[in-house]
N, C-alpha and C. Protein backbone atom coordinates (compact mmCIF):
# COMPACT_ATOMS: atom_id res chain seq x y z
N MET A 1 0.84 -1.19 0.00
CA MET A 1 0.00 0.00 0.00
C MET A 1 0.88 1.25 0.00
N GLU A 2 0.43 2.23 -0.71
CA GLU A 2 1.15 3.49 -0.81
C GLU A 2 1.21 4.20 0.54
N ASN A 3 2.27 4.94 0.77
CA ASN A 3 2.45 5.70 2.00
C ASN A 3 1.84 7.09 1.81
N LEU A 4 0.61 7.26 2.25
CA LEU A 4 -0.13 8.51 2.09
C LEU A 4 -0.09 9.29 3.39
N ILE A 5 0.20 10.58 3.31
CA ILE A 5 0.24 11.45 4.49
C ILE A 5 -0.46 12.76 4.15
N CYS A 6 -1.34 13.19 5.05
CA CYS A 6 -1.99 14.49 4.94
C CYS A 6 -1.19 15.48 5.79
N VAL A 7 -0.70 16.52 5.18
CA VAL A 7 0.18 17.48 5.84
C VAL A 7 -0.63 18.68 6.32
N ASP A 8 -0.50 18.98 7.62
CA ASP A 8 -1.22 20.09 8.21
C ASP A 8 -0.52 21.42 7.92
N THR A 9 -1.24 22.48 8.11
CA THR A 9 -0.77 23.84 7.81
C THR A 9 0.53 24.17 8.53
N ASP A 10 0.66 23.77 9.80
CA ASP A 10 1.86 24.15 10.57
C ASP A 10 3.13 23.56 9.99
N ILE A 11 3.06 22.36 9.44
CA ILE A 11 4.23 21.74 8.81
C ILE A 11 4.60 22.49 7.53
N ILE A 12 3.61 22.86 6.75
CA ILE A 12 3.85 23.59 5.50
C ILE A 12 4.43 24.98 5.81
N ILE A 13 3.93 25.62 6.85
CA ILE A 13 4.46 26.94 7.23
C ILE A 13 5.92 26.83 7.62
N ASP A 14 6.29 25.81 8.41
CA ASP A 14 7.71 25.62 8.75
C ASP A 14 8.54 25.48 7.49
N HIS A 15 8.07 24.70 6.54
CA HIS A 15 8.80 24.53 5.28
C HIS A 15 8.95 25.87 4.55
N LEU A 16 7.87 26.62 4.46
CA LEU A 16 7.93 27.90 3.75
C LEU A 16 8.86 28.90 4.44
N LYS A 17 8.90 28.87 5.76
CA LYS A 17 9.78 29.77 6.51
C LYS A 17 11.21 29.26 6.58
N GLY A 18 11.38 27.95 6.34
CA GLY A 18 12.71 27.35 6.39
C GLY A 18 13.22 27.14 7.80
N LYS A 19 12.32 27.08 8.77
CA LYS A 19 12.75 26.84 10.15
C LYS A 19 11.64 26.14 10.93
N GLY A 20 12.07 25.43 11.97
CA GLY A 20 11.13 24.69 12.81
C GLY A 20 11.18 23.21 12.49
N PRO A 21 10.59 22.41 13.38
CA PRO A 21 10.63 20.95 13.20
C PRO A 21 9.90 20.46 11.95
N GLY A 22 9.00 21.26 11.44
CA GLY A 22 8.26 20.86 10.25
C GLY A 22 9.09 20.83 8.98
N VAL A 23 10.23 21.49 8.98
CA VAL A 23 11.08 21.53 7.78
C VAL A 23 11.52 20.12 7.41
N GLU A 24 12.07 19.39 8.36
CA GLU A 24 12.53 18.02 8.11
C GLU A 24 11.37 17.09 7.83
N VAL A 25 10.27 17.27 8.55
CA VAL A 25 9.09 16.43 8.35
C VAL A 25 8.56 16.61 6.93
N PHE A 26 8.45 17.85 6.50
CA PHE A 26 7.97 18.16 5.14
C PHE A 26 8.86 17.48 4.11
N ALA A 27 10.18 17.65 4.26
CA ALA A 27 11.12 17.06 3.30
C ALA A 27 11.00 15.54 3.26
N LYS A 28 10.87 14.93 4.42
CA LYS A 28 10.73 13.47 4.50
C LYS A 28 9.45 13.00 3.81
N ILE A 29 8.36 13.68 4.06
CA ILE A 29 7.08 13.29 3.47
C ILE A 29 7.12 13.42 1.95
N VAL A 30 7.64 14.54 1.47
CA VAL A 30 7.71 14.77 0.02
C VAL A 30 8.62 13.74 -0.65
N LYS A 31 9.68 13.34 0.04
CA LYS A 31 10.63 12.38 -0.52
C LYS A 31 10.13 10.94 -0.44
N GLU A 32 9.51 10.57 0.69
CA GLU A 32 9.23 9.16 0.96
C GLU A 32 7.75 8.77 0.91
N ALA A 33 6.86 9.73 0.74
CA ALA A 33 5.43 9.43 0.79
C ALA A 33 4.70 10.14 -0.35
N THR A 34 3.42 9.92 -0.41
CA THR A 34 2.56 10.66 -1.33
C THR A 34 1.89 11.75 -0.50
N PRO A 35 2.28 13.02 -0.74
CA PRO A 35 1.76 14.10 0.11
C PRO A 35 0.37 14.57 -0.30
N PHE A 36 -0.46 14.71 0.71
CA PHE A 36 -1.80 15.27 0.57
C PHE A 36 -1.90 16.45 1.52
N THR A 37 -2.80 17.32 1.25
CA THR A 37 -3.26 18.31 2.21
C THR A 37 -4.72 18.59 1.85
N THR A 38 -5.37 19.43 2.60
CA THR A 38 -6.78 19.68 2.34
C THR A 38 -6.99 21.10 1.80
N HIS A 39 -8.14 21.30 1.23
CA HIS A 39 -8.48 22.67 0.80
C HIS A 39 -8.62 23.59 2.01
N ILE A 40 -8.91 23.04 3.17
CA ILE A 40 -8.97 23.84 4.39
C ILE A 40 -7.57 24.35 4.73
N ASN A 41 -6.56 23.47 4.62
CA ASN A 41 -5.18 23.88 4.87
C ASN A 41 -4.74 24.95 3.87
N LYS A 42 -5.11 24.76 2.61
CA LYS A 42 -4.75 25.76 1.59
C LYS A 42 -5.39 27.10 1.94
N PHE A 43 -6.64 27.07 2.35
CA PHE A 43 -7.33 28.29 2.79
C PHE A 43 -6.55 28.98 3.90
N GLU A 44 -6.14 28.21 4.93
CA GLU A 44 -5.39 28.79 6.04
C GLU A 44 -4.09 29.43 5.55
N LEU A 45 -3.39 28.75 4.66
CA LEU A 45 -2.14 29.30 4.13
C LEU A 45 -2.39 30.59 3.35
N LEU A 46 -3.40 30.58 2.49
CA LEU A 46 -3.69 31.76 1.68
C LEU A 46 -4.15 32.94 2.52
N CYS A 47 -4.83 32.66 3.63
CA CYS A 47 -5.23 33.75 4.53
C CYS A 47 -4.03 34.48 5.11
N GLY A 48 -2.91 33.78 5.26
CA GLY A 48 -1.71 34.39 5.80
C GLY A 48 -0.83 35.07 4.78
N ALA A 49 -1.16 34.91 3.49
CA ALA A 49 -0.36 35.54 2.43
C ALA A 49 -0.56 37.05 2.44
N ARG A 50 0.54 37.76 2.34
CA ARG A 50 0.47 39.22 2.40
C ARG A 50 0.38 39.89 1.03
N ASP A 51 0.73 39.15 -0.02
CA ASP A 51 0.70 39.75 -1.36
C ASP A 51 0.65 38.64 -2.42
N LYS A 52 0.58 39.04 -3.69
CA LYS A 52 0.49 38.08 -4.79
C LYS A 52 1.72 37.18 -4.86
N ARG A 53 2.87 37.69 -4.52
CA ARG A 53 4.09 36.88 -4.54
C ARG A 53 3.97 35.73 -3.55
N GLU A 54 3.50 36.01 -2.35
CA GLU A 54 3.35 34.96 -1.34
C GLU A 54 2.26 33.96 -1.74
N ILE A 55 1.21 34.45 -2.38
CA ILE A 55 0.18 33.53 -2.88
C ILE A 55 0.79 32.57 -3.89
N GLN A 56 1.64 33.09 -4.77
CA GLN A 56 2.28 32.24 -5.77
C GLN A 56 3.24 31.23 -5.13
N ILE A 57 3.95 31.66 -4.10
CA ILE A 57 4.84 30.74 -3.37
C ILE A 57 4.04 29.58 -2.78
N ILE A 58 2.90 29.90 -2.19
CA ILE A 58 2.02 28.86 -1.62
C ILE A 58 1.52 27.93 -2.72
N GLU A 59 1.06 28.49 -3.81
CA GLU A 59 0.58 27.68 -4.94
C GLU A 59 1.69 26.75 -5.44
N ASP A 60 2.90 27.29 -5.59
CA ASP A 60 4.03 26.48 -6.06
C ASP A 60 4.36 25.37 -5.08
N CYS A 61 4.33 25.68 -3.79
CA CYS A 61 4.62 24.70 -2.74
C CYS A 61 3.64 23.54 -2.79
N LEU A 62 2.38 23.82 -3.06
CA LEU A 62 1.35 22.80 -3.04
C LEU A 62 1.16 22.07 -4.36
N CYS A 63 1.92 22.44 -5.39
CA CYS A 63 1.68 21.86 -6.71
C CYS A 63 1.94 20.36 -6.75
N GLY A 64 2.78 19.82 -5.88
CA GLY A 64 3.03 18.39 -5.85
C GLY A 64 2.11 17.63 -4.90
N PHE A 65 1.19 18.32 -4.28
CA PHE A 65 0.26 17.72 -3.33
C PHE A 65 -1.07 17.40 -4.00
N THR A 66 -1.73 16.37 -3.52
CA THR A 66 -3.13 16.15 -3.87
C THR A 66 -3.95 16.89 -2.82
N LEU A 67 -4.85 17.76 -3.28
CA LEU A 67 -5.70 18.53 -2.37
C LEU A 67 -7.01 17.79 -2.15
N LEU A 68 -7.32 17.53 -0.90
CA LEU A 68 -8.53 16.81 -0.53
C LEU A 68 -9.65 17.80 -0.22
N PRO A 69 -10.83 17.61 -0.82
CA PRO A 69 -11.94 18.53 -0.58
C PRO A 69 -12.69 18.20 0.72
N PHE A 70 -13.43 19.16 1.20
CA PHE A 70 -14.35 18.94 2.31
C PHE A 70 -15.66 18.46 1.69
N ASP A 71 -15.71 17.16 1.41
CA ASP A 71 -16.84 16.58 0.71
C ASP A 71 -17.85 15.99 1.69
N ASN A 72 -18.85 15.28 1.16
CA ASN A 72 -19.90 14.73 2.01
C ASN A 72 -19.35 13.77 3.07
N PRO A 73 -18.51 12.78 2.71
CA PRO A 73 -17.99 11.89 3.77
C PRO A 73 -17.19 12.66 4.83
N GLY A 74 -16.38 13.60 4.40
CA GLY A 74 -15.60 14.39 5.35
C GLY A 74 -16.48 15.24 6.26
N SER A 75 -17.55 15.80 5.69
CA SER A 75 -18.44 16.64 6.50
C SER A 75 -19.21 15.80 7.52
N LEU A 76 -19.59 14.59 7.14
CA LEU A 76 -20.29 13.71 8.08
C LEU A 76 -19.39 13.33 9.25
N VAL A 77 -18.15 12.96 8.92
CA VAL A 77 -17.19 12.61 9.98
C VAL A 77 -16.91 13.83 10.86
N ALA A 78 -16.69 15.00 10.24
CA ALA A 78 -16.41 16.22 11.00
C ALA A 78 -17.56 16.57 11.94
N ALA A 79 -18.78 16.43 11.48
CA ALA A 79 -19.93 16.73 12.33
C ALA A 79 -19.98 15.79 13.54
N ASN A 80 -19.66 14.53 13.32
CA ASN A 80 -19.59 13.58 14.45
C ASN A 80 -18.48 13.97 15.42
N ILE A 81 -17.34 14.37 14.90
CA ILE A 81 -16.23 14.81 15.75
C ILE A 81 -16.67 16.01 16.58
N TYR A 82 -17.28 16.99 15.93
CA TYR A 82 -17.73 18.20 16.62
C TYR A 82 -18.68 17.85 17.77
N ARG A 83 -19.69 17.05 17.48
CA ARG A 83 -20.67 16.70 18.52
C ARG A 83 -20.01 15.96 19.68
N GLU A 84 -19.10 15.03 19.36
CA GLU A 84 -18.42 14.26 20.41
C GLU A 84 -17.55 15.16 21.29
N LEU A 85 -16.80 16.06 20.67
CA LEU A 85 -15.93 16.95 21.46
C LEU A 85 -16.73 17.92 22.30
N ILE A 86 -17.82 18.43 21.78
CA ILE A 86 -18.69 19.32 22.55
C ILE A 86 -19.29 18.55 23.73
N ARG A 87 -19.75 17.33 23.47
CA ARG A 87 -20.34 16.50 24.53
C ARG A 87 -19.33 16.25 25.65
N LYS A 88 -18.07 16.06 25.29
CA LYS A 88 -17.01 15.81 26.28
C LYS A 88 -16.47 17.10 26.90
N GLY A 89 -16.89 18.25 26.38
CA GLY A 89 -16.39 19.53 26.88
C GLY A 89 -14.95 19.80 26.48
N GLU A 90 -14.55 19.27 25.31
CA GLU A 90 -13.17 19.43 24.83
C GLU A 90 -13.15 19.95 23.39
N PRO A 91 -13.79 21.09 23.12
CA PRO A 91 -13.84 21.57 21.75
C PRO A 91 -12.46 21.98 21.22
N ILE A 92 -12.31 21.85 19.90
CA ILE A 92 -11.12 22.35 19.22
C ILE A 92 -11.60 23.25 18.09
N GLY A 93 -10.68 23.87 17.39
CA GLY A 93 -11.04 24.78 16.31
C GLY A 93 -11.82 24.09 15.20
N ILE A 94 -12.78 24.80 14.66
CA ILE A 94 -13.65 24.22 13.64
C ILE A 94 -12.87 23.80 12.40
N ARG A 95 -11.85 24.57 12.01
CA ARG A 95 -11.07 24.17 10.83
C ARG A 95 -10.29 22.89 11.12
N ASP A 96 -9.79 22.74 12.36
CA ASP A 96 -9.11 21.50 12.73
C ASP A 96 -10.07 20.32 12.69
N ILE A 97 -11.30 20.54 13.10
CA ILE A 97 -12.32 19.48 13.03
C ILE A 97 -12.57 19.10 11.58
N MET A 98 -12.65 20.08 10.70
CA MET A 98 -12.87 19.81 9.28
C MET A 98 -11.70 19.03 8.68
N ILE A 99 -10.47 19.44 9.02
CA ILE A 99 -9.27 18.75 8.53
C ILE A 99 -9.26 17.30 9.03
N ALA A 100 -9.55 17.11 10.31
CA ALA A 100 -9.59 15.76 10.88
C ALA A 100 -10.68 14.92 10.19
N GLY A 101 -11.83 15.51 9.94
CA GLY A 101 -12.91 14.79 9.27
C GLY A 101 -12.50 14.31 7.88
N ILE A 102 -11.79 15.16 7.16
CA ILE A 102 -11.31 14.78 5.83
C ILE A 102 -10.30 13.64 5.94
N ALA A 103 -9.32 13.79 6.84
CA ALA A 103 -8.27 12.77 6.98
C ALA A 103 -8.86 11.42 7.39
N ILE A 104 -9.77 11.42 8.35
CA ILE A 104 -10.38 10.17 8.80
C ILE A 104 -11.20 9.54 7.67
N SER A 105 -11.99 10.35 6.98
CA SER A 105 -12.85 9.80 5.93
C SER A 105 -12.04 9.21 4.77
N LYS A 106 -10.84 9.71 4.57
CA LYS A 106 -9.97 9.21 3.48
C LYS A 106 -8.98 8.16 3.97
N HIS A 107 -8.98 7.89 5.29
CA HIS A 107 -8.06 6.90 5.89
C HIS A 107 -6.60 7.28 5.67
N ILE A 108 -6.32 8.57 5.85
CA ILE A 108 -4.96 9.08 5.65
C ILE A 108 -4.48 9.69 6.96
N PRO A 109 -3.31 9.28 7.46
CA PRO A 109 -2.79 9.89 8.69
C PRO A 109 -2.44 11.36 8.49
N LEU A 110 -2.52 12.11 9.57
CA LEU A 110 -2.25 13.55 9.56
C LEU A 110 -0.89 13.84 10.19
N ALA A 111 -0.06 14.57 9.47
CA ALA A 111 1.21 15.06 10.01
C ALA A 111 0.98 16.48 10.52
N THR A 112 1.13 16.67 11.82
CA THR A 112 0.90 17.98 12.43
C THR A 112 1.77 18.14 13.67
N LYS A 113 2.08 19.38 13.98
CA LYS A 113 2.74 19.68 15.26
C LYS A 113 1.70 19.95 16.34
N ASN A 114 0.46 20.14 15.93
CA ASN A 114 -0.63 20.51 16.83
C ASN A 114 -1.23 19.27 17.49
N ILE A 115 -0.41 18.52 18.17
CA ILE A 115 -0.83 17.27 18.80
C ILE A 115 -1.89 17.55 19.88
N ARG A 116 -1.71 18.62 20.64
CA ARG A 116 -2.62 18.94 21.75
C ARG A 116 -4.08 18.99 21.31
N GLU A 117 -4.34 19.56 20.15
CA GLU A 117 -5.71 19.64 19.65
C GLU A 117 -6.15 18.33 19.00
N PHE A 118 -5.33 17.84 18.09
CA PHE A 118 -5.75 16.70 17.28
C PHE A 118 -5.79 15.38 18.06
N GLU A 119 -5.05 15.26 19.16
CA GLU A 119 -5.11 14.01 19.92
C GLU A 119 -6.48 13.81 20.58
N LYS A 120 -7.28 14.84 20.64
CA LYS A 120 -8.63 14.73 21.19
C LYS A 120 -9.60 14.04 20.22
N VAL A 121 -9.18 13.93 18.96
CA VAL A 121 -10.05 13.39 17.92
C VAL A 121 -9.90 11.87 17.84
N LYS A 122 -10.97 11.19 18.19
CA LYS A 122 -11.00 9.73 18.15
C LYS A 122 -10.87 9.24 16.71
N ASN A 123 -10.10 8.19 16.51
CA ASN A 123 -9.92 7.52 15.22
C ASN A 123 -9.05 8.28 14.22
N LEU A 124 -8.43 9.39 14.64
CA LEU A 124 -7.53 10.10 13.74
C LEU A 124 -6.14 9.49 13.86
N LYS A 125 -5.63 8.98 12.76
CA LYS A 125 -4.27 8.45 12.75
C LYS A 125 -3.31 9.61 12.56
N MET A 126 -2.24 9.59 13.37
CA MET A 126 -1.26 10.68 13.33
C MET A 126 0.07 10.16 12.79
N PHE A 127 0.72 11.01 12.00
CA PHE A 127 2.07 10.76 11.54
C PHE A 127 2.99 11.43 12.54
N GLU A 128 3.91 10.68 13.11
CA GLU A 128 4.75 11.21 14.18
C GLU A 128 5.66 12.32 13.69
N VAL A 129 5.59 13.45 14.37
CA VAL A 129 6.42 14.60 14.07
C VAL A 129 7.36 14.80 15.26
N ARG A 130 8.66 14.77 15.00
CA ARG A 130 9.65 14.95 16.07
C ARG A 130 10.39 16.24 15.92
């Protein structure tokens, strides 16, 4: 089976800045796996772009990635995650819930530095980031 990894925004930001633990993780994933990210992650990256040049840098960075949409299966999983976390009194950010829903529905582990939030999500497989 192919080694598929969904890369979270924080790992991509480290790569773009050229510093932080995500730099090595990004390089490893691009070299050894099939990299995915979500349209939610792309949205987050584009929101941080200050000008057209930075938008183009983001677009270029993501050109080798498969972008996963927030489709019906992902939205159903995300809604279940949301309800469960609210019921337990452990809410996380809505975009993180959407990203987790996509990753779970596609059976793809998530590479993220944001372990504190995502570890609350039941059935989310994580790619270890050191």
